[in-house]
C-alpha atoms as a PDB file:
ATOM      1  CA  MET A   1       6.320  -5.005   2.850  1.00  0.00           C
ATOM      2  CA  GLU A   2      10.003  -4.191   2.373  1.00  0.00           C
ATOM      3  CA  ASN A   3      10.152  -0.826   0.746  1.00  0.00           C
ATOM      4  CA  ARG A   4       8.140   1.861   2.472  1.00  0.00           C
ATOM      5  CA  GLY A   5       8.699   4.280  -0.483  1.00  0.00           C
ATOM      6  CA  GLU A   6       7.149   1.892  -2.974  1.00  0.00           C
ATOM      7  CA  LEU A   7       4.222   1.269  -0.664  1.00  0.00           C
ATOM      8  CA  LEU A   8       3.567   5.048  -0.297  1.00  0.00           C
ATOM      9  CA  ARG A   9       3.755   5.664  -4.055  1.00  0.00           C
ATOM     10  CA  GLU A  10       1.231   2.972  -4.739  1.00  0.00           C
ATOM     11  CA  LEU A  11      -1.040   4.059  -1.930  1.00  0.00           C
ATOM     12  CA  MET A  12      -0.976   7.694  -3.167  1.00  0.00           C
ATOM     13  CA  ALA A  13      -2.020   6.385  -6.671  1.00  0.00           C
ATOM     14  CA  VAL A  14      -5.292   5.152  -5.155  1.00  0.00           C
ATOM     15  CA  PHE A  15      -5.605   7.632  -2.314  1.00  0.00           C
ATOM     16  CA  ASP A  16      -8.659   9.470  -3.664  1.00  0.00           C
ATOM     17  CA  GLU A  17     -10.528   6.105  -3.835  1.00  0.00           C
ATOM     18  CA  LEU A  18      -9.945   5.279  -0.174  1.00  0.00           C
ATOM     19  CA  PRO A  19     -12.766   5.834   2.312  1.00  0.00           C
ATOM     20  CA  ALA A  20     -12.826   9.398   3.643  1.00  0.00           C
ATOM     21  CA  PRO A  21     -12.143   8.430   7.301  1.00  0.00           C
ATOM     22  CA  LEU A  22      -9.099   6.386   6.179  1.00  0.00           C
ATOM     23  CA  ARG A  23      -7.786   9.335   4.140  1.00  0.00           C
ATOM     24  CA  ALA A  24      -8.168  11.638   7.155  1.00  0.00           C
ATOM     25  CA  ALA A  25      -6.470   9.095   9.463  1.00  0.00           C
ATOM     26  CA  ILE A  26      -3.471   8.854   7.049  1.00  0.00           C
ATOM     27  CA  ASN A  27      -3.298  12.648   6.556  1.00  0.00           C
ATOM     28  CA  TYR A  28      -3.533  13.550  10.228  1.00  0.00           C
ATOM     29  CA  ALA A  29      -1.371  10.756  11.749  1.00  0.00           C
ATOM     30  CA  PRO A  30       0.967  12.286  14.323  1.00  0.00           C
ATOM     31  CA  GLU A  31       3.944  10.445  12.855  1.00  0.00           C
ATOM     32  CA  PRO A  32       4.690   8.874   9.425  1.00  0.00           C
ATOM     33  CA  LEU A  33       2.959   5.458   9.262  1.00  0.00           C
ATOM     34  CA  ASP A  34       4.944   2.346   8.856  1.00  0.00           C
ATOM     35  CA  PRO A  35       3.404  -0.481   6.742  1.00  0.00           C
ATOM     36  CA  LYS A  36       2.101  -2.335   9.841  1.00  0.00           C
ATOM     37  CA  GLU A  37       0.361   0.803  11.155  1.00  0.00           C
ATOM     38  CA  LEU A  38      -1.063   1.494   7.669  1.00  0.00           C
ATOM     39  CA  ALA A  39      -2.442  -2.066   7.479  1.00  0.00           C
ATOM     40  CA  ALA A  40      -4.107  -1.631  10.888  1.00  0.00           C
ATOM     41  CA  LEU A  41      -5.755   1.626   9.768  1.00  0.00           C
ATOM     42  CA  CYS A  42      -6.972  -0.016   6.563  1.00  0.00           C
ATOM     43  CA  ARG A  43      -8.456  -2.919   8.481  1.00  0.00           C
ATOM     44  CA  ARG A  44     -10.113  -0.572  10.917  1.00  0.00           C
ATOM     45  CA  HIS A  45     -11.672   1.440   8.070  1.00  0.00           C
ATOM     46  CA  GLY A  46     -12.809  -1.557   5.994  1.00  0.00           C
ATOM     47  CA  ALA A  47     -10.118  -1.182   3.359  1.00  0.00           C
ATOM     48  CA  ALA A  48      -7.833  -4.132   4.145  1.00  0.00           C
ATOM     49  CA  ASN A  49      -8.005  -5.257   0.511  1.00  0.00           C
ATOM     50  CA  VAL A  50      -6.242  -2.032  -0.571  1.00  0.00           C
ATOM     51  CA  LEU A  51      -2.920  -3.087   0.986  1.00  0.00           C
ATOM     52  CA  ALA A  52      -3.368  -6.661  -0.220  1.00  0.00           C
ATOM     53  CA  MET A  53      -3.764  -5.408  -3.809  1.00  0.00           C
ATOM     54  CA  ILE A  54      -0.786  -3.073  -3.536  1.00  0.00           C
ATOM     55  CA  GLU A  55       1.376  -5.797  -2.029  1.00  0.00           C
ATOM     56  CA  LEU A  56       0.419  -8.184  -4.851  1.00  0.00           C
ATOM     57  CA  LYS A  57       1.248  -5.550  -7.443  1.00  0.00           C
ATOM     58  CA  LEU A  58       4.637  -4.866  -5.911  1.00  0.00           C
ATOM     59  CA  LYS A  59       5.442  -8.588  -5.697  1.00  0.00           C
ATOM     60  CA  ARG A  60       4.562  -9.075  -9.349  1.00  0.00           C
ATOM     61  CA  ARG A  61       6.696  -6.092 -10.326  1.00  0.00           C
ATOM     62  CA  SER A  62       9.593  -7.459  -8.264  1.00  0.00           C
ATOM     63  CA  ARG A  63       9.325 -10.896  -9.914  1.00  0.00           C
ATOM     64  CA  LEU A  64       9.192  -9.386 -13.417  1.00  0.00           C
ATOM     65  CA  ALA A  65      12.249  -7.290 -12.662  1.00  0.00           C
ATOM     66  CA  SER A  66      14.294 -10.280 -11.504  1.00  0.00           C
ATOM     67  CA  PRO A  67      16.916 -11.403 -13.977  1.00  0.00           C
ATOM     68  CA  GLY A  68      16.073 -14.568 -15.901  1.00  0.00           C
ATOM     69  CA  LEU A  69      12.301 -14.169 -15.594  1.00  0.00           C
ATOM     70  CA  GLN A  70      10.058 -13.217 -18.372  1.00  0.00           C
ATOM     71  CA  ALA A  71       6.484 -11.844 -18.421  1.00  0.00           C
ATOM     72  CA  CYS A  72       3.947 -14.363 -19.618  1.00  0.00           C
END
């Protein structure tokens, strides 16, 4: 995932729906998590589909924002 800021915004939008242990791991990480570390945490806590859905949403948004492309 290219833009860490976009990832974090989308993740915060669904944060309350994440499993409690995953929320705690994110909140109490000793350093800010990069996308790879976040993906590993999600897999470890059974929420790997969360990042997949966010990545898909960001890719769609990126394609729609590209010049010359129109929404169907």
